[in-house]
Each structure stands twice: as structure tokens, then as C-alpha cells.
Amino acid sequence: MQRKLKVVPIVLVILATLGCIKKASGPVTPWERVTTENAILAQSIDTATQGTIAVQTSGLISAAQAQPVLAFLNQAATVQLQINTILSNPPSASNIPQLQAFVSQIGNAAQALVSTGVLGIKNPKSQQTIGADVQAIVSSVNVILSSYQAATGGK
């Protein structure tokens, strides 16, 4: 649980940075926001993956407990790579349904990770804490979708 307390501030910093993108010359464009948020998502997934591996390696959680978390993070990384493919082209409203599907996919995977009990966490309060951490990744994908919609003219 002590390791968990160290992860929560990291997640809060990541969430705080999502709304605080700044640049020296002029306002941030919607497209700049999309690409920056996508980079933040990639870093968040990598940090969570490395943290999970470190916690498991140190013996604080078992390999069986780490496996579903790593599976979720792998799924999130796959979605992030698919987002990269979309972002390699100019913004188009035709990509919005696919981004919406990614939001649903990650949201469902996050919900399943926390609610199915595969982590072996029976305490509802602990489930909520872990759920909030996992939700940070879901929120990042949601923010990318919103910013992408703004970059396409809000369509």
C-alpha cells in the first residue's frame, strides 16, 4: 500500500498537466494540444508499466496480481499506437468514431480490471483508489478525443 501512495501524486501531476499546456508564442492550437496530450498518454502508460514491473519485482505484489495490470497497460499502449497512426495524418472528422471507440475500449478494460476482482483487492476503498489511477489513462484518451474534435472544427 505504501507504493500505492507514491503513485497517486504522479497521477495527479499528470492530470494537472493535461490542462496546463503552454507555449511561448501565442495560444496553443487544438492540434498542438492533441499531440502534446498524446505524448503525455504515452509517457503515463510507460511510467505505469515500469512502476508495475518494479513493484512486482520488489515482491510487493505477485506476478499473478501484476499480470492483469500489465495486460491493461499493454492494451492502452496498443490503443496509443493506433492513435499515433491517426495523428500521423491531418485531422479529419472521419477519424472521430474510431477515437470514440478507443475511449470505450479503454474505459471498458479499466472497469473490468477494477471490478472483476482479478487484482485480488477486496477492500472497496482500495478498489476506488486503483480505479482512479486507471481512470487517469482513460481520461487522457478522452482529452485526446475532445482536442481532436476541436482540431477538426468541432464536428
C-alpha atoms as a PDB file:
ATOM      1  CA  MET A   1       0.000   0.000   0.000  1.00  0.00           C
ATOM      2  CA  GLN A   2       2.941   2.328   0.642  1.00  0.00           C
ATOM      3  CA  ARG A   3       3.970   2.051  -3.035  1.00  0.00           C
ATOM      4  CA  LYS A   4       0.407   2.924  -3.990  1.00  0.00           C
ATOM      5  CA  LEU A   5       0.637   6.175  -2.060  1.00  0.00           C
ATOM      6  CA  LYS A   6       3.711   7.120  -4.086  1.00  0.00           C
ATOM      7  CA  VAL A   7       1.888   6.539  -7.390  1.00  0.00           C
ATOM      8  CA  VAL A   8      -1.113   8.744  -6.574  1.00  0.00           C
ATOM      9  CA  PRO A   9       0.875  12.052  -6.658  1.00  0.00           C
ATOM     10  CA  ILE A  10       2.348  11.065 -10.035  1.00  0.00           C
ATOM     11  CA  VAL A  11      -1.126  10.514 -11.452  1.00  0.00           C
ATOM     12  CA  LEU A  12      -2.296  13.851 -10.039  1.00  0.00           C
ATOM     13  CA  VAL A  13       0.641  15.647 -11.674  1.00  0.00           C
ATOM     14  CA  ILE A  14      -0.141  14.003 -14.999  1.00  0.00           C
ATOM     15  CA  LEU A  15      -3.782  15.031 -14.771  1.00  0.00           C
ATOM     16  CA  ALA A  16      -2.808  18.577 -13.805  1.00  0.00           C
ATOM     17  CA  THR A  17      -0.506  18.887 -16.803  1.00  0.00           C
ATOM     18  CA  LEU A  18      -3.297  17.921 -19.175  1.00  0.00           C
ATOM     19  CA  GLY A  19      -4.971  21.274 -18.664  1.00  0.00           C
ATOM     20  CA  CYS A  20      -1.771  23.333 -18.437  1.00  0.00           C
ATOM     21  CA  ILE A  21      -0.171  23.093 -21.855  1.00  0.00           C
ATOM     22  CA  LYS A  22       1.549  26.372 -22.653  1.00  0.00           C
ATOM     23  CA  LYS A  23       3.881  27.714 -25.317  1.00  0.00           C
ATOM     24  CA  ALA A  24       5.970  30.854 -25.552  1.00  0.00           C
ATOM     25  CA  SER A  25       4.479  32.297 -28.733  1.00  0.00           C
ATOM     26  CA  GLY A  26       0.711  32.639 -28.896  1.00  0.00           C
ATOM     27  CA  PRO A  27      -2.102  30.347 -27.871  1.00  0.00           C
ATOM     28  CA  VAL A  28      -1.877  26.569 -28.074  1.00  0.00           C
ATOM     29  CA  THR A  29      -3.710  25.292 -31.140  1.00  0.00           C
ATOM     30  CA  PRO A  30      -6.094  22.348 -30.835  1.00  0.00           C
ATOM     31  CA  TRP A  31      -3.701  20.225 -32.909  1.00  0.00           C
ATOM     32  CA  GLU A  32      -0.765  21.088 -30.632  1.00  0.00           C
ATOM     33  CA  ARG A  33      -2.931  20.106 -27.672  1.00  0.00           C
ATOM     34  CA  VAL A  34      -3.780  16.759 -29.309  1.00  0.00           C
ATOM     35  CA  THR A  35      -0.154  15.870 -29.997  1.00  0.00           C
ATOM     36  CA  THR A  36       1.016  17.006 -26.563  1.00  0.00           C
ATOM     37  CA  GLU A  37      -1.716  15.060 -24.802  1.00  0.00           C
ATOM     38  CA  ASN A  38      -0.877  12.004 -26.868  1.00  0.00           C
ATOM     39  CA  ALA A  39       2.751  12.280 -25.745  1.00  0.00           C
ATOM     40  CA  ILE A  40       1.576  12.601 -22.122  1.00  0.00           C
ATOM     41  CA  LEU A  41      -0.574   9.476 -22.575  1.00  0.00           C
ATOM     42  CA  ALA A  42       2.393   7.518 -23.929  1.00  0.00           C
ATOM     43  CA  GLN A  43       4.571   8.631 -21.021  1.00  0.00           C
ATOM     44  CA  SER A  44       1.823   7.819 -18.497  1.00  0.00           C
ATOM     45  CA  ILE A  45       1.467   4.289 -19.845  1.00  0.00           C
ATOM     46  CA  ASP A  46       5.229   3.772 -19.833  1.00  0.00           C
ATOM     47  CA  THR A  47       5.565   5.108 -16.279  1.00  0.00           C
ATOM     48  CA  ALA A  48       2.704   2.921 -15.033  1.00  0.00           C
ATOM     49  CA  THR A  49       4.208  -0.117 -16.757  1.00  0.00           C
ATOM     50  CA  GLN A  50       7.661   0.474 -15.281  1.00  0.00           C
ATOM     51  CA  GLY A  51       6.107   1.089 -11.865  1.00  0.00           C
ATOM     52  CA  THR A  52       4.073  -2.106 -12.010  1.00  0.00           C
ATOM     53  CA  ILE A  53       7.126  -4.119 -13.016  1.00  0.00           C
ATOM     54  CA  ALA A  54       9.177  -2.537 -10.221  1.00  0.00           C
ATOM     55  CA  VAL A  55       6.508  -3.235  -7.604  1.00  0.00           C
ATOM     56  CA  GLN A  56       6.197  -6.834  -8.775  1.00  0.00           C
ATOM     57  CA  THR A  57       9.970  -7.331  -8.944  1.00  0.00           C
ATOM     58  CA  SER A  58      10.356  -5.972  -5.424  1.00  0.00           C
ATOM     59  CA  GLY A  59       7.848  -8.519  -4.159  1.00  0.00           C
ATOM     60  CA  LEU A  60       5.146  -6.060  -3.071  1.00  0.00           C
ATOM     61  CA  ILE A  61       2.705  -7.734  -5.442  1.00  0.00           C
ATOM     62  CA  SER A  62       2.778 -11.171  -7.020  1.00  0.00           C
ATOM     63  CA  ALA A  63       3.240 -11.888 -10.710  1.00  0.00           C
ATOM     64  CA  ALA A  64      -0.390 -13.021 -10.752  1.00  0.00           C
ATOM     65  CA  GLN A  65      -1.500  -9.615  -9.423  1.00  0.00           C
ATOM     66  CA  ALA A  66       0.761  -7.731 -11.833  1.00  0.00           C
ATOM     67  CA  GLN A  67      -0.396  -9.664 -14.897  1.00  0.00           C
ATOM     68  CA  PRO A  68      -3.869  -8.084 -15.299  1.00  0.00           C
ATOM     69  CA  VAL A  69      -2.446  -4.604 -14.719  1.00  0.00           C
ATOM     70  CA  LEU A  70       0.251  -5.201 -17.324  1.00  0.00           C
ATOM     71  CA  ALA A  71      -2.367  -6.622 -19.706  1.00  0.00           C
ATOM     72  CA  PHE A  72      -4.445  -3.451 -19.284  1.00  0.00           C
ATOM     73  CA  LEU A  73      -1.380  -1.267 -19.827  1.00  0.00           C
ATOM     74  CA  ASN A  74      -0.466  -3.298 -22.911  1.00  0.00           C
ATOM     75  CA  GLN A  75      -3.959  -2.728 -24.280  1.00  0.00           C
ATOM     76  CA  ALA A  76      -3.642   1.000 -23.510  1.00  0.00           C
ATOM     77  CA  ALA A  77      -0.258   1.083 -25.280  1.00  0.00           C
ATOM     78  CA  THR A  78      -1.772  -0.630 -28.322  1.00  0.00           C
ATOM     79  CA  VAL A  79      -4.541   1.981 -28.418  1.00  0.00           C
ATOM     80  CA  GLN A  80      -1.960   4.752 -28.056  1.00  0.00           C
ATOM     81  CA  LEU A  81      -0.058   3.369 -31.066  1.00  0.00           C
ATOM     82  CA  GLN A  82      -3.318   3.307 -33.046  1.00  0.00           C
ATOM     83  CA  ILE A  83      -3.871   6.935 -32.034  1.00  0.00           C
ATOM     84  CA  ASN A  84      -0.352   7.677 -33.331  1.00  0.00           C
ATOM     85  CA  THR A  85      -1.400   6.277 -36.704  1.00  0.00           C
ATOM     86  CA  ILE A  86      -4.440   8.559 -36.793  1.00  0.00           C
ATOM     87  CA  LEU A  87      -2.342  11.563 -35.740  1.00  0.00           C
ATOM     88  CA  SER A  88       0.190  10.926 -38.495  1.00  0.00           C
ATOM     89  CA  ASN A  89      -2.383  12.409 -40.891  1.00  0.00           C
ATOM     90  CA  PRO A  90      -4.129  15.790 -40.890  1.00  0.00           C
ATOM     91  CA  PRO A  91      -7.160  15.968 -38.572  1.00  0.00           C
ATOM     92  CA  SER A  92     -10.319  14.597 -40.114  1.00  0.00           C
ATOM     93  CA  ALA A  93     -13.803  14.267 -38.678  1.00  0.00           C
ATOM     94  CA  SER A  94     -13.926  10.782 -40.225  1.00  0.00           C
ATOM     95  CA  ASN A  95     -11.488   9.589 -37.526  1.00  0.00           C
ATOM     96  CA  ILE A  96     -13.663  10.693 -34.616  1.00  0.00           C
ATOM     97  CA  PRO A  97     -15.751   7.462 -34.452  1.00  0.00           C
ATOM     98  CA  GLN A  98     -12.562   5.404 -34.231  1.00  0.00           C
ATOM     99  CA  LEU A  99     -11.227   7.620 -31.430  1.00  0.00           C
ATOM    100  CA  GLN A 100     -14.577   7.294 -29.646  1.00  0.00           C
ATOM    101  CA  ALA A 101     -14.263   3.513 -29.952  1.00  0.00           C
ATOM    102  CA  PHE A 102     -10.795   3.725 -28.362  1.00  0.00           C
ATOM    103  CA  VAL A 103     -12.260   5.669 -25.427  1.00  0.00           C
ATOM    104  CA  SER A 104     -14.920   2.967 -24.956  1.00  0.00           C
ATOM    105  CA  GLN A 105     -12.387   0.161 -25.317  1.00  0.00           C
ATOM    106  CA  ILE A 106     -10.025   1.583 -22.705  1.00  0.00           C
ATOM    107  CA  GLY A 107     -12.911   2.538 -20.397  1.00  0.00           C
ATOM    108  CA  ASN A 108     -14.354  -0.972 -20.520  1.00  0.00           C
ATOM    109  CA  ALA A 109     -10.939  -2.551 -19.937  1.00  0.00           C
ATOM    110  CA  ALA A 110     -10.327  -0.251 -16.968  1.00  0.00           C
ATOM    111  CA  GLN A 111     -13.720  -1.044 -15.473  1.00  0.00           C
ATOM    112  CA  ALA A 112     -13.121  -4.773 -15.895  1.00  0.00           C
ATOM    113  CA  LEU A 113      -9.676  -4.543 -14.323  1.00  0.00           C
ATOM    114  CA  VAL A 114     -11.021  -2.969 -11.165  1.00  0.00           C
ATOM    115  CA  SER A 115     -14.472  -4.511 -10.791  1.00  0.00           C
ATOM    116  CA  THR A 116     -13.833  -8.161 -11.670  1.00  0.00           C
ATOM    117  CA  GLY A 117     -11.603  -8.736  -8.688  1.00  0.00           C
ATOM    118  CA  VAL A 118      -8.714 -10.108 -10.761  1.00  0.00           C
ATOM    119  CA  LEU A 119      -6.344  -7.940  -8.738  1.00  0.00           C
ATOM    120  CA  GLY A 120      -7.378  -9.708  -5.566  1.00  0.00           C
ATOM    121  CA  ILE A 121      -8.389  -6.435  -3.925  1.00  0.00           C
ATOM    122  CA  LYS A 122     -11.467  -6.897  -1.817  1.00  0.00           C
ATOM    123  CA  ASN A 123     -11.481  -3.574   0.018  1.00  0.00           C
ATOM    124  CA  PRO A 124     -13.900  -1.237  -1.821  1.00  0.00           C
ATOM    125  CA  LYS A 125     -11.863   1.820  -0.852  1.00  0.00           C
ATOM    126  CA  SER A 126      -8.679   0.293  -2.303  1.00  0.00           C
ATOM    127  CA  GLN A 127     -10.630  -0.646  -5.438  1.00  0.00           C
ATOM    128  CA  GLN A 128     -11.692   3.002  -5.757  1.00  0.00           C
ATOM    129  CA  THR A 129      -8.100   4.214  -5.367  1.00  0.00           C
ATOM    130  CA  ILE A 130      -6.804   1.856  -8.031  1.00  0.00           C
ATOM    131  CA  GLY A 131      -9.806   2.684 -10.184  1.00  0.00           C
ATOM    132  CA  ALA A 132      -8.896   6.371 -10.003  1.00  0.00           C
ATOM    133  CA  ASP A 133      -5.339   5.635 -11.095  1.00  0.00           C
ATOM    134  CA  VAL A 134      -6.510   3.519 -14.012  1.00  0.00           C
ATOM    135  CA  GLN A 135      -9.109   6.163 -14.846  1.00  0.00           C
ATOM    136  CA  ALA A 136      -6.288   8.678 -15.398  1.00  0.00           C
ATOM    137  CA  ILE A 137      -5.318   6.773 -18.549  1.00  0.00           C
ATOM    138  CA  VAL A 138      -8.955   6.652 -19.668  1.00  0.00           C
ATOM    139  CA  SER A 139      -9.223  10.401 -19.021  1.00  0.00           C
ATOM    140  CA  SER A 140      -6.144  11.035 -21.158  1.00  0.00           C
ATOM    141  CA  VAL A 141      -7.728   9.225 -24.105  1.00  0.00           C
ATOM    142  CA  ASN A 142     -10.926  11.237 -23.539  1.00  0.00           C
ATOM    143  CA  VAL A 143      -8.975  14.511 -23.583  1.00  0.00           C
ATOM    144  CA  ILE A 144      -7.259  13.493 -26.825  1.00  0.00           C
ATOM    145  CA  LEU A 145     -10.675  12.825 -28.362  1.00  0.00           C
ATOM    146  CA  SER A 146     -12.038  16.202 -27.230  1.00  0.00           C
ATOM    147  CA  SER A 147      -8.999  18.070 -28.501  1.00  0.00           C
ATOM    148  CA  TYR A 148      -9.080  16.151 -31.772  1.00  0.00           C
ATOM    149  CA  GLN A 149     -12.719  17.114 -32.231  1.00  0.00           C
ATOM    150  CA  ALA A 150     -11.708  20.763 -31.660  1.00  0.00           C
ATOM    151  CA  ALA A 151      -8.904  20.391 -34.218  1.00  0.00           C
ATOM    152  CA  THR A 152     -11.404  19.171 -36.813  1.00  0.00           C
ATOM    153  CA  GLY A 153     -13.666  22.142 -36.218  1.00  0.00           C
ATOM    154  CA  GLY A 154     -15.770  20.544 -33.513  1.00  0.00           C
ATOM    155  CA  LYS A 155     -17.541  18.124 -35.823  1.00  0.00           C
END
